[in-house]
């Protein structure tokens, strides 16, 4: 797991579809109990250079800390 690699959600672009949270098998995201937008609750669980949630995000709202 990564210490300096984790997703950052652009909440301006995020529509709250939760595709990222439903996709991630590592528990990186927290899904709100009320309709809303996901948060990165466990960044330490992110697998370095995975990019799965970024690729599947329909609005391009995810980037990563640690990217140059």
PDB file of N, CA and C in Angstrom:
ATOM      1  N   UNK A   1       0.836  -1.176   0.000  1.00  0.00           N
ATOM      2  CA  UNK A   1       0.000   0.000   0.000  1.00  0.00           C
ATOM      3  C   UNK A   1       0.887   1.247   0.000  1.00  0.00           C
ATOM      4  N   UNK A   2       0.331   2.339  -0.395  1.00  0.00           N
ATOM      5  CA  UNK A   2       1.118   3.553  -0.608  1.00  0.00           C
ATOM      6  C   UNK A   2       0.964   4.554   0.529  1.00  0.00           C
ATOM      7  N   UNK A   3       2.028   5.306   0.767  1.00  0.00           N
ATOM      8  CA  UNK A   3       1.961   6.379   1.752  1.00  0.00           C
ATOM      9  C   UNK A   3       1.735   7.728   1.090  1.00  0.00           C
ATOM     10  N   UNK A   4       2.270   7.905  -0.097  1.00  0.00           N
ATOM     11  CA  UNK A   4       2.177   9.201  -0.777  1.00  0.00           C
ATOM     12  C   UNK A   4       1.368   9.123  -2.065  1.00  0.00           C
ATOM     13  N   UNK A   5       0.656   8.054  -2.270  1.00  0.00           N
ATOM     14  CA  UNK A   5      -0.135   7.867  -3.484  1.00  0.00           C
ATOM     15  C   UNK A   5      -1.574   7.601  -3.067  1.00  0.00           C
ATOM     16  N   UNK A   6      -2.458   8.489  -3.410  1.00  0.00           N
ATOM     17  CA  UNK A   6      -3.872   8.303  -3.090  1.00  0.00           C
ATOM     18  C   UNK A   6      -4.702   9.239  -3.956  1.00  0.00           C
ATOM     19  N   UNK A   7      -5.977   8.894  -4.148  1.00  0.00           N
ATOM     20  CA  UNK A   7      -6.831   9.712  -5.004  1.00  0.00           C
ATOM     21  C   UNK A   7      -7.249  11.019  -4.329  1.00  0.00           C
ATOM     22  N   UNK A   8      -7.420  12.017  -5.153  1.00  0.00           N
ATOM     23  CA  UNK A   8      -7.955  13.310  -4.723  1.00  0.00           C
ATOM     24  C   UNK A   8      -9.163  13.573  -5.615  1.00  0.00           C
ATOM     25  N   UNK A   9     -10.300  13.810  -4.986  1.00  0.00           N
ATOM     26  CA  UNK A   9     -11.537  14.016  -5.735  1.00  0.00           C
ATOM     27  C   UNK A   9     -11.760  15.506  -5.973  1.00  0.00           C
ATOM     28  N   UNK A  10     -11.982  15.861  -7.221  1.00  0.00           N
ATOM     29  CA  UNK A  10     -12.358  17.223  -7.572  1.00  0.00           C
ATOM     30  C   UNK A  10     -13.877  17.297  -7.417  1.00  0.00           C
ATOM     31  N   UNK A  11     -14.328  17.857  -6.304  1.00  0.00           N
ATOM     32  CA  UNK A  11     -15.758  17.875  -6.004  1.00  0.00           C
ATOM     33  C   UNK A  11     -16.556  18.797  -6.921  1.00  0.00           C
ATOM     34  N   UNK A  12     -15.875  19.629  -7.700  1.00  0.00           N
ATOM     35  CA  UNK A  12     -16.561  20.432  -8.714  1.00  0.00           C
ATOM     36  C   UNK A  12     -16.999  19.538  -9.882  1.00  0.00           C
ATOM     37  N   UNK A  13     -16.151  18.564 -10.222  1.00  0.00           N
ATOM     38  CA  UNK A  13     -16.446  17.653 -11.332  1.00  0.00           C
ATOM     39  C   UNK A  13     -17.261  16.435 -10.883  1.00  0.00           C
ATOM     40  N   UNK A  14     -17.126  16.051  -9.635  1.00  0.00           N
ATOM     41  CA  UNK A  14     -17.784  14.849  -9.120  1.00  0.00           C
ATOM     42  C   UNK A  14     -19.304  15.022  -9.101  1.00  0.00           C
ATOM     43  N   UNK A  15     -20.003  14.017  -9.618  1.00  0.00           N
ATOM     44  CA  UNK A  15     -21.466  14.056  -9.636  1.00  0.00           C
ATOM     45  C   UNK A  15     -22.083  13.233  -8.510  1.00  0.00           C
ATOM     46  N   UNK A  16     -21.238  12.545  -7.732  1.00  0.00           N
ATOM     47  CA  UNK A  16     -21.748  11.719  -6.643  1.00  0.00           C
ATOM     48  C   UNK A  16     -22.293  10.382  -7.111  1.00  0.00           C
ATOM     49  N   UNK A  17     -21.846   9.894  -8.245  1.00  0.00           N
ATOM     50  CA  UNK A  17     -22.348   8.620  -8.775  1.00  0.00           C
ATOM     51  C   UNK A  17     -21.839   7.414  -7.985  1.00  0.00           C
ATOM     52  N   UNK A  18     -20.774   7.599  -7.217  1.00  0.00           N
ATOM     53  CA  UNK A  18     -20.160   6.573  -6.365  1.00  0.00           C
ATOM     54  C   UNK A  18     -19.518   5.431  -7.138  1.00  0.00           C
ATOM     55  N   UNK A  19     -19.265   5.632  -8.427  1.00  0.00           N
ATOM     56  CA  UNK A  19     -18.601   4.607  -9.230  1.00  0.00           C
ATOM     57  C   UNK A  19     -17.236   4.264  -8.641  1.00  0.00           C
ATOM     58  N   UNK A  20     -16.504   5.247  -8.202  1.00  0.00           N
ATOM     59  CA  UNK A  20     -15.173   5.020  -7.635  1.00  0.00           C
ATOM     60  C   UNK A  20     -15.253   4.175  -6.362  1.00  0.00           C
ATOM     61  N   UNK A  21     -16.149   4.538  -5.478  1.00  0.00           N
ATOM     62  CA  UNK A  21     -16.296   3.828  -4.206  1.00  0.00           C
ATOM     63  C   UNK A  21     -16.774   2.398  -4.420  1.00  0.00           C
ATOM     64  N   UNK A  22     -17.682   2.204  -5.361  1.00  0.00           N
ATOM     65  CA  UNK A  22     -18.180   0.865  -5.651  1.00  0.00           C
ATOM     66  C   UNK A  22     -17.131   0.007  -6.343  1.00  0.00           C
ATOM     67  N   UNK A  23     -16.229   0.633  -7.079  1.00  0.00           N
ATOM     68  CA  UNK A  23     -15.180  -0.082  -7.802  1.00  0.00           C
ATOM     69  C   UNK A  23     -14.022  -0.503  -6.891  1.00  0.00           C
ATOM     70  N   UNK A  24     -13.611   0.335  -5.983  1.00  0.00           N
ATOM     71  CA  UNK A  24     -12.391   0.132  -5.193  1.00  0.00           C
ATOM     72  C   UNK A  24     -12.541  -1.025  -4.192  1.00  0.00           C
ATOM     73  N   UNK A  25     -11.718  -2.074  -4.342  1.00  0.00           N
ATOM     74  CA  UNK A  25     -11.783  -3.201  -3.412  1.00  0.00           C
ATOM     75  C   UNK A  25     -10.941  -3.002  -2.152  1.00  0.00           C
ATOM     76  N   UNK A  26     -10.301  -1.834  -2.022  1.00  0.00           N
ATOM     77  CA  UNK A  26      -9.362  -1.612  -0.921  1.00  0.00           C
ATOM     78  C   UNK A  26      -9.904  -0.720   0.189  1.00  0.00           C
ATOM     79  N   UNK A  27     -11.145  -0.280   0.078  1.00  0.00           N
ATOM     80  CA  UNK A  27     -11.745   0.531   1.136  1.00  0.00           C
ATOM     81  C   UNK A  27     -11.166   1.921   1.262  1.00  0.00           C
ATOM     82  N   UNK A  28     -10.719   2.480   0.158  1.00  0.00           N
ATOM     83  CA  UNK A  28     -10.144   3.827   0.176  1.00  0.00           C
ATOM     84  C   UNK A  28     -11.223   4.884   0.415  1.00  0.00           C
ATOM     85  N   UNK A  29     -12.398   4.658  -0.135  1.00  0.00           N
ATOM     86  CA  UNK A  29     -13.468   5.659  -0.091  1.00  0.00           C
ATOM     87  C   UNK A  29     -14.471   5.405   1.022  1.00  0.00           C
ATOM     88  N   UNK A  30     -15.088   6.491   1.463  1.00  0.00           N
ATOM     89  CA  UNK A  30     -16.211   6.422   2.384  1.00  0.00           C
ATOM     90  C   UNK A  30     -17.441   6.849   1.599  1.00  0.00           C
ATOM     91  N   UNK A  31     -18.477   6.049   1.678  1.00  0.00           N
ATOM     92  CA  UNK A  31     -19.723   6.345   0.979  1.00  0.00           C
ATOM     93  C   UNK A  31     -20.654   7.041   1.959  1.00  0.00           C
ATOM     94  N   UNK A  32     -21.155   8.209   1.599  1.00  0.00           N
ATOM     95  CA  UNK A  32     -22.044   8.941   2.507  1.00  0.00           C
ATOM     96  C   UNK A  32     -23.362   8.209   2.712  1.00  0.00           C
ATOM     97  N   UNK A  33     -23.906   8.321   3.918  1.00  0.00           N
ATOM     98  CA  UNK A  33     -25.186   7.664   4.200  1.00  0.00           C
ATOM     99  C   UNK A  33     -26.341   8.391   3.515  1.00  0.00           C
ATOM    100  N   UNK A  34     -26.229   9.694   3.401  1.00  0.00           N
ATOM    101  CA  UNK A  34     -27.212  10.471   2.639  1.00  0.00           C
ATOM    102  C   UNK A  34     -26.649  10.658   1.240  1.00  0.00           C
ATOM    103  N   UNK A  35     -27.489  10.860   0.250  1.00  0.00           N
ATOM    104  CA  UNK A  35     -26.943  11.104  -1.087  1.00  0.00           C
ATOM    105  C   UNK A  35     -25.926  12.248  -1.043  1.00  0.00           C
ATOM    106  N   UNK A  36     -24.801  12.002  -1.610  1.00  0.00           N
ATOM    107  CA  UNK A  36     -23.736  12.991  -1.602  1.00  0.00           C
ATOM    108  C   UNK A  36     -22.540  12.460  -2.350  1.00  0.00           C
ATOM    109  N   UNK A  37     -21.404  13.021  -2.073  1.00  0.00           N
ATOM    110  CA  UNK A  37     -20.187  12.665  -2.786  1.00  0.00           C
ATOM    111  C   UNK A  37     -19.270  11.855  -1.877  1.00  0.00           C
ATOM    112  N   UNK A  38     -18.522  10.915  -2.461  1.00  0.00           N
ATOM    113  CA  UNK A  38     -17.626  10.100  -1.658  1.00  0.00           C
ATOM    114  C   UNK A  38     -16.449  10.926  -1.148  1.00  0.00           C
ATOM    115  N   UNK A  39     -15.817  10.420  -0.105  1.00  0.00           N
ATOM    116  CA  UNK A  39     -14.601  11.034   0.417  1.00  0.00           C
ATOM    117  C   UNK A  39     -13.507   9.982   0.453  1.00  0.00           C
ATOM    118  N   UNK A  40     -12.266  10.434   0.449  1.00  0.00           N
ATOM    119  CA  UNK A  40     -11.126   9.536   0.573  1.00  0.00           C
ATOM    120  C   UNK A  40     -10.878   9.380   2.071  1.00  0.00           C
ATOM    121  N   UNK A  41     -11.403   8.307   2.643  1.00  0.00           N
ATOM    122  CA  UNK A  41     -11.353   8.095   4.081  1.00  0.00           C
ATOM    123  C   UNK A  41     -10.112   7.328   4.525  1.00  0.00           C
ATOM    124  N   UNK A  42      -9.590   6.474   3.663  1.00  0.00           N
ATOM    125  CA  UNK A  42      -8.437   5.634   4.012  1.00  0.00           C
ATOM    126  C   UNK A  42      -7.381   5.698   2.922  1.00  0.00           C
ATOM    127  N   UNK A  43      -6.712   6.832   2.778  1.00  0.00           N
ATOM    128  CA  UNK A  43      -5.743   6.975   1.685  1.00  0.00           C
ATOM    129  C   UNK A  43      -4.598   5.969   1.762  1.00  0.00           C
ATOM    130  N   UNK A  44      -4.281   5.522   2.971  1.00  0.00           N
ATOM    131  CA  UNK A  44      -3.190   4.556   3.142  1.00  0.00           C
ATOM    132  C   UNK A  44      -3.523   3.190   2.528  1.00  0.00           C
ATOM    133  N   UNK A  45      -4.787   2.933   2.236  1.00  0.00           N
ATOM    134  CA  UNK A  45      -5.189   1.665   1.616  1.00  0.00           C
ATOM    135  C   UNK A  45      -5.014   1.660   0.100  1.00  0.00           C
ATOM    136  N   UNK A  46      -4.755   2.814  -0.483  1.00  0.00           N
ATOM    137  CA  UNK A  46      -4.629   2.916  -1.935  1.00  0.00           C
ATOM    138  C   UNK A  46      -3.382   2.159  -2.408  1.00  0.00           C
ATOM    139  N   UNK A  47      -3.548   1.394  -3.483  1.00  0.00           N
ATOM    140  CA  UNK A  47      -2.438   0.648  -4.060  1.00  0.00           C
ATOM    141  C   UNK A  47      -1.706   1.561  -5.043  1.00  0.00           C
ATOM    142  N   UNK A  48      -0.427   1.729  -4.827  1.00  0.00           N
ATOM    143  CA  UNK A  48       0.372   2.655  -5.623  1.00  0.00           C
ATOM    144  C   UNK A  48       0.272   2.352  -7.118  1.00  0.00           C
ATOM    145  N   UNK A  49      -0.033   3.379  -7.878  1.00  0.00           N
ATOM    146  CA  UNK A  49      -0.126   3.367  -9.340  1.00  0.00           C
ATOM    147  C   UNK A  49      -1.272   2.509  -9.885  1.00  0.00           C
ATOM    148  N   UNK A  50      -2.265   2.201  -9.084  1.00  0.00           N
ATOM    149  CA  UNK A  50      -3.405   1.401  -9.537  1.00  0.00           C
ATOM    150  C   UNK A  50      -4.210   2.166 -10.601  1.00  0.00           C
ATOM    151  N   UNK A  51      -4.649   3.347 -10.296  1.00  0.00           N
ATOM    152  CA  UNK A  51      -5.425   4.218 -11.196  1.00  0.00           C
ATOM    153  C   UNK A  51      -6.779   3.659 -11.631  1.00  0.00           C
ATOM    154  N   UNK A  52      -7.237   2.577 -11.024  1.00  0.00           N
ATOM    155  CA  UNK A  52      -8.510   1.967 -11.415  1.00  0.00           C
ATOM    156  C   UNK A  52      -9.682   2.918 -11.273  1.00  0.00           C
ATOM    157  N   UNK A  53      -9.784   3.590 -10.136  1.00  0.00           N
ATOM    158  CA  UNK A  53     -10.920   4.488  -9.929  1.00  0.00           C
ATOM    159  C   UNK A  53     -10.851   5.698 -10.859  1.00  0.00           C
ATOM    160  N   UNK A  54      -9.654   6.140 -11.182  1.00  0.00           N
ATOM    161  CA  UNK A  54      -9.508   7.257 -12.116  1.00  0.00           C
ATOM    162  C   UNK A  54      -9.981   6.857 -13.512  1.00  0.00           C
ATOM    163  N   UNK A  55      -9.637   5.668 -13.925  1.00  0.00           N
ATOM    164  CA  UNK A  55     -10.036   5.199 -15.262  1.00  0.00           C
ATOM    165  C   UNK A  55     -11.541   4.998 -15.376  1.00  0.00           C
ATOM    166  N   UNK A  56     -12.175   4.595 -14.285  1.00  0.00           N
ATOM    167  CA  UNK A  56     -13.602   4.280 -14.335  1.00  0.00           C
ATOM    168  C   UNK A  56     -14.494   5.493 -14.053  1.00  0.00           C
ATOM    169  N   UNK A  57     -13.933   6.566 -13.534  1.00  0.00           N
ATOM    170  CA  UNK A  57     -14.719   7.763 -13.205  1.00  0.00           C
ATOM    171  C   UNK A  57     -15.281   8.392 -14.482  1.00  0.00           C
ATOM    172  N   UNK A  58     -16.610   8.494 -14.593  1.00  0.00           N
ATOM    173  CA  UNK A  58     -17.206   9.009 -15.823  1.00  0.00           C
ATOM    174  C   UNK A  58     -17.009  10.511 -16.050  1.00  0.00           C
ATOM    175  N   UNK A  59     -16.626  11.261 -15.012  1.00  0.00           N
ATOM    176  CA  UNK A  59     -16.470  12.707 -15.172  1.00  0.00           C
ATOM    177  C   UNK A  59     -15.021  13.179 -15.084  1.00  0.00           C
ATOM    178  N   UNK A  60     -14.080  12.262 -14.880  1.00  0.00           N
ATOM    179  CA  UNK A  60     -12.667  12.650 -14.775  1.00  0.00           C
ATOM    180  C   UNK A  60     -12.365  13.458 -13.525  1.00  0.00           C
ATOM    181  N   UNK A  61     -13.051  13.133 -12.435  1.00  0.00           N
ATOM    182  CA  UNK A  61     -12.930  13.918 -11.205  1.00  0.00           C
ATOM    183  C   UNK A  61     -11.819  13.452 -10.271  1.00  0.00           C
ATOM    184  N   UNK A  62     -11.043  12.454 -10.670  1.00  0.00           N
ATOM    185  CA  UNK A  62     -10.013  11.904  -9.775  1.00  0.00           C
ATOM    186  C   UNK A  62      -8.623  12.119 -10.342  1.00  0.00           C
ATOM    187  N   UNK A  63      -7.756  12.623  -9.481  1.00  0.00           N
ATOM    188  CA  UNK A  63      -6.322  12.704  -9.768  1.00  0.00           C
ATOM    189  C   UNK A  63      -5.624  12.114  -8.542  1.00  0.00           C
ATOM    190  N   UNK A  64      -4.317  12.064  -8.555  1.00  0.00           N
ATOM    191  CA  UNK A  64      -3.595  11.416  -7.469  1.00  0.00           C
ATOM    192  C   UNK A  64      -2.529  12.310  -6.857  1.00  0.00           C
ATOM    193  N   UNK A  65      -2.447  12.249  -5.535  1.00  0.00           N
ATOM    194  CA  UNK A  65      -1.340  12.870  -4.838  1.00  0.00           C
ATOM    195  C   UNK A  65      -0.112  12.040  -5.190  1.00  0.00           C
ATOM    196  N   UNK A  66       0.974  12.681  -5.457  1.00  0.00           N
ATOM    197  CA  UNK A  66       2.177  11.969  -5.831  1.00  0.00           C
ATOM    198  C   UNK A  66       2.423  11.992  -7.323  1.00  0.00           C
ATOM    199  N   UNK A  67       1.430  12.392  -8.119  1.00  0.00           N
ATOM    200  CA  UNK A  67       1.640  12.563  -9.558  1.00  0.00           C
ATOM    201  C   UNK A  67       2.460  13.838  -9.773  1.00  0.00           C
ATOM    202  N   UNK A  68       3.314  13.806 -10.766  1.00  0.00           N
ATOM    203  CA  UNK A  68       4.090  15.018 -11.060  1.00  0.00           C
ATOM    204  C   UNK A  68       3.308  15.945 -11.929  1.00  0.00           C
TER     205      UNK A  68
END
